[in-house]
């Protein structure tokens, strides 16, 4: 299944202390690069998070943002000892500053007065991995939908390239005849007679230099391999990237050997189509 590397997904789960949200933002990258941003109390779970993601993804730069939502009232606890000490301090200050007033809501804002209910570390990690799995499921589904579109585009370009190669094969006998006629015409313009054997040698040399049968055969091999790779059930981005390099090499050689305007134009069209494929392959996992 072809998968795009560019995608966005999010998931949310309810916890005893509120909601836990996970957002994933992925873009193309040569390797797998993870950028987790976790709440302070979950930093110790980063290694487990990385392992879980590496088991599901193979390429892409993925930002992972985990947030905790506001806690419900019943999950909050008041540090009674802290409140007692603050109360004693307030009474002492009130004797010195009679006009000073301490509001209850201001007291609650003091660090350490309000505390979240404690959760077991194993339970917290389980919740984190649960919301991560849900986000990864959504990310994978999006990647596969985008990947299907990319695969369709690549197959369309392959069909176009295959038609061009078939056209060039069909032109080659005619091009060889025209090449012989041009060579004979040039030799006929010479004032001195030419040895027929020398003519044949020169003709063979010119045909050899312009022969593109090997390039066309290799392009056909690349067609078959690319179609096979597109059907694999594993990440194939690197393989396709290598195949695009091979396609481009054969197209360049075809252009350099061209002795006919048609094959020159065909080589240009091939390079345009191959570049279009290469750009899209960069987005495939």
Protein backbone atom coordinates (compact mmCIF):
# COMPACT_ATOMS: atom_id res chain seq x y z
CA UNK A 1 0.00 0.00 0.00
CA UNK A 2 1.51 3.31 -1.14
CA UNK A 3 1.50 5.90 1.65
CA UNK A 4 2.13 9.61 1.50
CA UNK A 5 4.46 11.07 4.12
CA UNK A 6 2.49 14.32 4.41
CA UNK A 7 -0.55 14.12 6.70
CA UNK A 8 -2.22 15.44 9.85
CA UNK A 9 -4.21 13.55 12.48
CA UNK A 10 -5.39 13.94 16.07
CA UNK A 11 -7.09 11.88 18.73
CA UNK A 12 -8.46 12.44 22.22
CA UNK A 13 -9.21 10.21 25.22
CA UNK A 14 -10.87 10.92 28.55
CA UNK A 15 -8.81 10.37 31.69
CA UNK A 16 -9.64 10.62 35.39
CA UNK A 17 -7.95 14.03 35.42
CA UNK A 18 -9.45 15.42 32.22
CA UNK A 19 -8.76 14.92 28.51
CA UNK A 20 -5.56 13.83 26.79
CA UNK A 21 -5.06 14.99 23.19
CA UNK A 22 -2.45 13.87 20.69
CA UNK A 23 -1.73 15.71 17.42
CA UNK A 24 0.52 14.37 14.66
CA UNK A 25 1.87 16.55 11.86
CA UNK A 26 3.97 14.75 9.25
CA UNK A 27 5.92 15.99 6.24
CA UNK A 28 8.30 14.27 3.86
CA UNK A 29 11.81 13.49 5.04
CA UNK A 30 14.55 11.13 3.94
CA UNK A 31 14.46 9.23 7.23
CA UNK A 32 12.14 8.97 10.24
CA UNK A 33 12.57 12.03 12.47
CA UNK A 34 10.33 12.39 15.52
CA UNK A 35 9.72 15.62 17.43
CA UNK A 36 7.69 14.82 20.58
CA UNK A 37 6.35 17.57 22.85
CA UNK A 38 4.93 16.08 26.05
CA UNK A 39 3.56 17.52 29.29
CA UNK A 40 6.21 17.67 32.01
CA UNK A 41 4.66 14.83 33.98
CA UNK A 42 4.86 12.56 30.88
CA UNK A 43 8.44 13.25 29.80
CA UNK A 44 9.56 9.92 31.22
CA UNK A 45 7.35 8.14 28.64
CA UNK A 46 9.11 9.65 25.62
CA UNK A 47 11.18 6.52 24.95
CA UNK A 48 8.07 4.30 24.89
CA UNK A 49 6.34 6.81 22.59
CA UNK A 50 9.28 6.79 20.17
CA UNK A 51 9.35 3.00 20.09
CA UNK A 52 5.63 2.81 19.36
CA UNK A 53 5.90 5.32 16.51
CA UNK A 54 8.99 3.69 14.99
CA UNK A 55 7.08 0.42 14.84
CA UNK A 56 4.31 2.07 12.79
CA UNK A 57 6.22 4.57 10.62
CA UNK A 58 9.39 4.27 8.55
CA UNK A 59 9.94 7.72 7.00
CA UNK A 60 8.88 11.31 7.50
CA UNK A 61 9.41 14.20 9.88
CA UNK A 62 6.64 13.85 12.46
CA UNK A 63 5.83 16.40 15.15
CA UNK A 64 4.01 14.86 18.12
CA UNK A 65 2.11 17.23 20.40
CA UNK A 66 0.45 15.83 23.53
CA UNK A 67 -1.75 18.10 25.65
CA UNK A 68 -3.73 17.65 28.84
CA UNK A 69 -7.10 19.36 28.99
CA UNK A 70 -8.52 21.19 32.00
CA UNK A 71 -9.26 18.90 34.90
CA UNK A 72 -12.75 18.33 36.19
CA UNK A 73 -13.55 19.80 39.59
CA UNK A 74 -13.77 16.50 41.35
CA UNK A 75 -10.26 15.56 40.28
CA UNK A 76 -8.74 18.55 42.12
CA UNK A 77 -7.35 18.39 45.63
CA UNK A 78 -6.52 21.15 48.09
CA UNK A 79 -3.30 20.96 50.07
CA UNK A 80 -4.75 21.62 53.56
CA UNK A 81 -1.33 22.05 55.16
CA UNK A 82 -0.39 24.67 52.58
CA UNK A 83 -3.69 26.51 53.10
CA UNK A 84 -3.12 26.46 56.89
CA UNK A 85 0.32 28.03 56.54
CA UNK A 86 -1.01 30.67 54.16
CA UNK A 87 -3.86 31.43 56.57
CA UNK A 88 -1.45 32.00 59.46
CA UNK A 89 0.65 34.27 57.25
CA UNK A 90 -2.46 36.19 56.15
CA UNK A 91 -3.53 36.76 59.79
CA UNK A 92 -0.06 38.00 60.65
CA UNK A 93 -0.07 40.36 57.65
CA UNK A 94 -3.59 41.58 58.50
CA UNK A 95 -2.36 42.75 61.93
CA UNK A 96 0.32 44.80 60.25
CA UNK A 97 -1.74 45.97 57.30
CA UNK A 98 -5.40 46.35 58.46
CA UNK A 99 -6.62 47.39 55.01
CA UNK A 100 -5.21 44.35 53.27
CA UNK A 101 -7.81 41.83 52.07
CA UNK A 102 -7.05 38.29 50.89
CA UNK A 103 -9.61 36.84 48.43
CA UNK A 104 -10.25 33.09 48.42
CA UNK A 105 -9.75 32.84 44.63
CA UNK A 106 -6.36 34.51 44.98
CA UNK A 107 -5.43 31.94 47.59
CA UNK A 108 -6.23 29.12 45.19
CA UNK A 109 -3.83 30.58 42.64
CA UNK A 110 -0.88 30.22 44.97
CA UNK A 111 1.46 27.47 43.68
CA UNK A 112 0.86 24.15 45.37
CA UNK A 113 -2.58 24.93 46.85
CA UNK A 114 -4.54 23.17 44.11
CA UNK A 115 -3.21 19.77 43.03
CA UNK A 116 -4.33 17.26 40.42
CA UNK A 117 -5.29 13.86 41.66
CA UNK A 118 -2.29 11.55 41.42
CA UNK A 119 -2.35 8.84 38.75
CA UNK A 120 -0.35 5.66 38.66
CA UNK A 121 2.62 5.94 36.27
CA UNK A 122 1.69 2.74 34.42
CA UNK A 123 -1.85 4.03 33.99
CA UNK A 124 -0.58 7.35 32.61
CA UNK A 125 1.69 5.59 30.12
CA UNK A 126 -1.15 3.30 29.03
CA UNK A 127 -3.38 6.33 28.39
CA UNK A 128 -0.62 8.08 26.45
CA UNK A 129 0.01 5.06 24.21
CA UNK A 130 -3.73 4.60 23.73
CA UNK A 131 -4.28 8.13 22.44
CA UNK A 132 -1.09 7.82 20.36
CA UNK A 133 -2.34 4.62 18.72
CA UNK A 134 -5.63 6.28 17.84
CA UNK A 135 -3.80 9.23 16.30
CA UNK A 136 -1.49 6.88 14.40
CA UNK A 137 -4.49 4.97 13.03
CA UNK A 138 -5.95 8.22 11.73
CA UNK A 139 -2.58 9.32 10.34
CA UNK A 140 -2.10 6.01 8.54
CA UNK A 141 -5.57 6.19 7.00
CA UNK A 142 -4.87 9.70 5.71
CA UNK A 143 -1.47 8.66 4.38
CA UNK A 144 -2.99 5.72 2.55
CA UNK A 145 -5.71 7.85 0.94
CA UNK A 146 -3.12 10.34 -0.27
CA UNK A 147 -0.83 7.48 -1.28
CA UNK A 148 -3.53 5.96 -3.47
CA UNK A 149 -3.79 9.24 -5.37
CA UNK A 150 -0.02 9.36 -5.79
CA UNK A 151 0.04 5.78 -7.07
CA UNK A 152 -2.63 6.58 -9.66
CA UNK A 153 -0.62 9.59 -10.84
CA UNK A 154 2.56 7.52 -11.10
CA UNK A 155 0.80 4.82 -13.12
CA UNK A 156 -0.57 7.45 -15.51
CA UNK A 157 2.95 8.81 -16.08
CA UNK A 158 4.27 5.27 -16.54
CA UNK A 159 1.66 4.64 -19.23
CA UNK A 160 2.71 7.85 -21.01
CA UNK A 161 6.41 6.93 -20.82
CA UNK A 162 5.67 3.44 -22.11
CA UNK A 163 3.84 4.89 -25.12
CA UNK A 164 6.81 7.14 -25.92
CA UNK A 165 9.23 4.20 -25.72
CA UNK A 166 6.99 2.17 -28.03
CA UNK A 167 6.96 5.06 -30.51
CA UNK A 168 10.75 5.31 -30.46
CA UNK A 169 11.07 1.56 -31.09
CA UNK A 170 8.79 1.92 -34.08
CA UNK A 171 10.81 4.80 -35.49
CA UNK A 172 14.22 3.15 -35.24
CA UNK A 173 14.15 1.10 -38.52
CA UNK A 174 13.16 4.22 -40.44
CA UNK A 175 15.83 6.31 -38.65
CA UNK A 176 18.53 3.76 -39.57
CA UNK A 177 17.48 3.88 -43.23
CA UNK A 178 17.54 7.70 -43.17
CA UNK A 179 20.96 7.62 -41.49
CA UNK A 180 22.35 5.41 -44.30
CA UNK A 181 20.84 7.66 -46.94
CA UNK A 182 22.42 10.76 -45.37
CA UNK A 183 25.81 9.09 -45.15
CA UNK A 184 25.67 7.94 -48.77
CA UNK A 185 24.65 11.42 -49.87
CA UNK A 186 27.58 13.00 -48.09
CA UNK A 187 30.03 10.50 -49.53
CA UNK A 188 28.59 11.03 -53.01
CA UNK A 189 29.55 14.70 -52.77
CA UNK A 190 33.20 13.75 -52.40
CA UNK A 191 35.28 14.09 -55.55
CA UNK A 192 37.26 10.92 -54.88
CA UNK A 193 35.57 7.49 -55.02
CA UNK A 194 34.97 5.76 -51.71
CA UNK A 195 35.73 2.14 -51.02
CA UNK A 196 32.40 0.27 -50.47
CA UNK A 197 33.97 -1.52 -47.52
CA UNK A 198 34.83 1.82 -45.94
CA UNK A 199 31.25 2.94 -46.50
CA UNK A 200 29.93 -0.07 -44.65
CA UNK A 201 32.37 0.47 -41.79
CA UNK A 202 31.34 4.11 -41.43
CA UNK A 203 27.68 3.16 -41.56
CA UNK A 204 28.11 0.52 -38.87
CA UNK A 205 29.96 3.03 -36.69
CA UNK A 206 27.23 5.66 -37.04
CA UNK A 207 24.46 3.16 -36.35
CA UNK A 208 26.32 1.85 -33.29
CA UNK A 209 26.72 5.34 -31.91
CA UNK A 210 23.02 6.06 -32.37
CA UNK A 211 21.75 2.65 -31.27
CA UNK A 212 19.32 3.00 -28.33
CA UNK A 213 17.97 -0.53 -28.16
CA UNK A 214 19.72 -1.15 -24.82
CA UNK A 215 18.28 2.06 -23.35
CA UNK A 216 14.80 1.16 -24.54
CA UNK A 217 15.15 -2.34 -23.11
CA UNK A 218 16.29 -0.98 -19.75
CA UNK A 219 13.39 1.48 -19.70
CA UNK A 220 11.01 -1.44 -20.29
CA UNK A 221 12.63 -3.28 -17.39
CA UNK A 222 12.16 -0.21 -15.18
CA UNK A 223 8.45 -0.09 -16.16
CA UNK A 224 7.93 -3.63 -14.92
CA UNK A 225 9.90 -3.08 -11.73
CA UNK A 226 8.09 0.16 -10.89
CA UNK A 227 4.69 -1.45 -11.36
CA UNK A 228 5.78 -4.34 -9.14
CA UNK A 229 7.03 -1.99 -6.43
CA UNK A 230 3.78 -0.01 -6.50
CA UNK A 231 1.96 -3.20 -5.55
CA UNK A 232 4.12 -4.08 -2.52
CA UNK A 233 2.64 -4.06 1.00
CA UNK A 234 5.57 -2.20 2.53
CA UNK A 235 7.23 1.24 2.40
CA UNK A 236 8.62 1.71 -1.11
CA UNK A 237 9.66 5.36 -1.27
CA UNK A 238 13.40 4.68 -1.35
CA UNK A 239 13.06 2.04 -4.07
CA UNK A 240 10.98 4.34 -6.21
CA UNK A 241 13.48 7.15 -5.71
CA UNK A 242 16.26 4.88 -7.00
CA UNK A 243 14.14 3.84 -9.98
CA UNK A 244 13.54 7.49 -10.87
CA UNK A 245 17.31 7.98 -11.03
CA UNK A 246 17.58 5.01 -13.38
CA UNK A 247 14.75 6.32 -15.57
CA UNK A 248 16.45 9.69 -15.80
CA UNK A 249 19.80 8.14 -16.72
CA UNK A 250 18.29 6.23 -19.65
CA UNK A 251 16.37 9.30 -20.86
CA UNK A 252 19.58 11.36 -20.84
CA UNK A 253 21.43 8.70 -22.82
CA UNK A 254 18.56 8.46 -25.29
CA UNK A 255 18.78 12.20 -25.86
CA UNK A 256 22.57 12.19 -26.26
CA UNK A 257 22.40 9.44 -28.90
CA UNK A 258 19.57 11.03 -30.85
CA UNK A 259 20.13 11.64 -34.60
CA UNK A 260 16.50 12.46 -35.32
CA UNK A 261 14.23 15.31 -34.19
CA UNK A 262 11.55 12.84 -33.15
CA UNK A 263 13.79 10.96 -30.72
CA UNK A 264 15.16 14.26 -29.40
CA UNK A 265 11.64 15.46 -28.63
CA UNK A 266 10.81 12.05 -27.17
CA UNK A 267 13.79 12.29 -24.81
CA UNK A 268 12.63 15.73 -23.65
CA UNK A 269 9.09 14.45 -23.03
CA UNK A 270 10.49 11.50 -21.11
CA UNK A 271 12.53 13.78 -18.86
CA UNK A 272 9.49 15.96 -18.16
CA UNK A 273 7.38 12.94 -17.18
CA UNK A 274 10.17 11.43 -15.10
CA UNK A 275 10.68 14.71 -13.23
CA UNK A 276 6.96 14.85 -12.47
CA UNK A 277 7.17 11.34 -11.06
CA UNK A 278 10.33 12.11 -9.09
CA UNK A 279 8.70 15.11 -7.39
CA UNK A 280 5.78 12.98 -6.23
CA UNK A 281 7.97 10.07 -5.17
CA UNK A 282 9.63 12.42 -2.66
CA UNK A 283 6.31 12.36 -0.74
CA UNK A 284 6.02 8.57 -0.58
CA UNK A 285 6.95 6.71 2.61
